[in-house]
Amino acid sequence: MFANLSIPKTYDVNKEWTIIRDAVDMGMKKFAPCYTSNSWKKKASWTSPLNINARNVIKEKHKLWQRYVTTKDVLVFNEYKKVHNLVRKEMRNTIQNIQRKVAAN
């Protein structure tokens, strides 16, 4: 069946595979997004671990943002803004508590 199929003597499977692999790698580097999924949890400006309440409010904020991005619902966005303000309030309280502890010591 394949007896009439002629493969050139200079044909190198490894060379062809390398060309295909390099093209795919280059395409992935150029077009595929590269990020760490938990990067929002670990900011360089955070010098100490967050308390559990702050982490829960931040998680809620991210969930609402993802829901807003997919649905573009105004009600979801308004809820996101409320939770965003709660996050800001919680972070300010956390910073003030740390500063109070430092001042007390």
Protein backbone atom coordinates (compact mmCIF):
# COMPACT_ATOMS: atom_id res chain seq x y z
CA MET A 1 0.00 0.00 0.00
CA PHE A 2 2.72 2.49 0.97
CA ALA A 3 5.42 0.87 -1.13
CA ASN A 4 5.30 3.67 -3.70
CA LEU A 5 5.82 6.29 -1.00
CA SER A 6 9.30 7.73 -1.37
CA ILE A 7 11.01 9.52 1.50
CA PRO A 8 14.03 11.61 0.60
CA LYS A 9 17.30 10.27 1.97
CA THR A 10 18.08 13.64 3.56
CA TYR A 11 14.82 13.71 5.53
CA ASP A 12 15.52 13.99 9.24
CA VAL A 13 12.62 13.46 11.63
CA ASN A 14 14.46 15.06 14.57
CA LYS A 15 15.20 18.20 12.57
CA GLU A 16 11.56 18.54 11.51
CA TRP A 17 10.37 17.93 15.07
CA THR A 18 12.75 20.63 16.36
CA ILE A 19 11.36 23.12 13.82
CA ILE A 20 7.76 22.36 14.84
CA ARG A 21 8.57 22.44 18.57
CA ASP A 22 10.38 25.80 18.25
CA ALA A 23 7.44 27.29 16.33
CA VAL A 24 4.98 26.15 19.01
CA ASP A 25 7.22 27.42 21.84
CA MET A 26 7.62 30.79 20.15
CA GLY A 27 3.85 31.06 19.65
CA MET A 28 3.20 30.17 23.29
CA LYS A 29 5.69 32.78 24.53
CA LYS A 30 4.21 35.40 22.22
CA PHE A 31 0.48 34.80 22.68
CA ALA A 32 -0.15 32.77 25.87
CA PRO A 33 -0.57 34.84 29.03
CA CYS A 34 1.97 34.11 31.75
CA TYR A 35 1.00 34.94 35.31
CA THR A 36 0.80 33.36 38.71
CA SER A 37 -2.72 32.68 39.81
CA ASN A 38 -2.10 33.61 43.45
CA SER A 39 -0.09 36.75 42.83
CA TRP A 40 -2.82 38.94 44.33
CA LYS A 41 -2.35 37.19 47.67
CA LYS A 42 1.34 38.04 47.98
CA LYS A 43 2.16 41.70 47.51
CA ALA A 44 5.66 42.97 48.22
CA SER A 45 4.29 45.90 50.23
CA TRP A 46 2.66 43.53 52.75
CA THR A 47 5.17 43.16 55.54
CA SER A 48 3.06 40.93 57.76
CA PRO A 49 0.37 38.30 57.16
CA LEU A 50 -3.18 39.55 56.86
CA ASN A 51 -5.78 38.63 59.41
CA ILE A 52 -8.51 36.19 58.42
CA ASN A 53 -11.18 38.88 58.10
CA ALA A 54 -9.09 40.90 55.63
CA ARG A 55 -8.35 37.81 53.55
CA ASN A 56 -12.03 36.87 53.39
CA VAL A 57 -13.07 40.36 52.30
CA ILE A 58 -10.36 40.36 49.61
CA LYS A 59 -11.55 36.97 48.34
CA GLU A 60 -15.10 38.28 48.17
CA LYS A 61 -13.90 41.33 46.24
CA HIS A 62 -12.12 39.16 43.68
CA LYS A 63 -15.15 36.90 43.28
CA LEU A 64 -17.39 39.89 42.64
CA TRP A 65 -14.93 41.36 40.15
CA GLN A 66 -14.79 38.10 38.22
CA ARG A 67 -18.59 37.92 38.20
CA TYR A 68 -18.80 41.53 36.97
CA VAL A 69 -16.27 40.93 34.20
CA THR A 70 -18.26 37.97 32.89
CA THR A 71 -21.77 39.43 33.27
CA LYS A 72 -21.25 43.23 33.03
CA ASP A 73 -24.15 43.58 35.45
CA VAL A 74 -24.43 47.01 37.10
CA LEU A 75 -25.82 45.54 40.33
CA VAL A 76 -22.80 43.27 40.65
CA PHE A 77 -20.50 46.23 40.03
CA ASN A 78 -22.22 48.26 42.75
CA GLU A 79 -21.79 45.35 45.16
CA TYR A 80 -18.13 45.13 44.11
CA LYS A 81 -17.64 48.82 44.92
CA LYS A 82 -19.12 48.30 48.39
CA VAL A 83 -16.79 45.37 49.08
CA HIS A 84 -13.86 47.31 47.61
CA ASN A 85 -14.49 50.07 50.12
CA LEU A 86 -14.68 47.48 52.91
CA VAL A 87 -11.28 46.17 51.84
CA ARG A 88 -9.83 49.67 51.97
CA LYS A 89 -11.34 50.21 55.41
CA GLU A 90 -10.04 46.87 56.68
CA MET A 91 -6.53 47.56 55.34
CA ARG A 92 -6.47 51.00 56.91
CA ASN A 93 -7.55 49.52 60.24
CA THR A 94 -4.87 46.84 59.96
CA ILE A 95 -2.17 49.44 59.29
CA GLN A 96 -3.39 51.59 62.20
CA ASN A 97 -3.33 48.60 64.54
CA ILE A 98 0.23 47.76 63.52
CA GLN A 99 1.29 51.36 64.06
CA ARG A 100 -0.39 51.43 67.47
CA LYS A 101 1.47 48.27 68.51
CA VAL A 102 4.78 49.78 67.40
CA ALA A 103 4.05 53.02 69.24
CA ALA A 104 3.06 51.14 72.39
CA ASN A 105 6.31 49.16 72.39
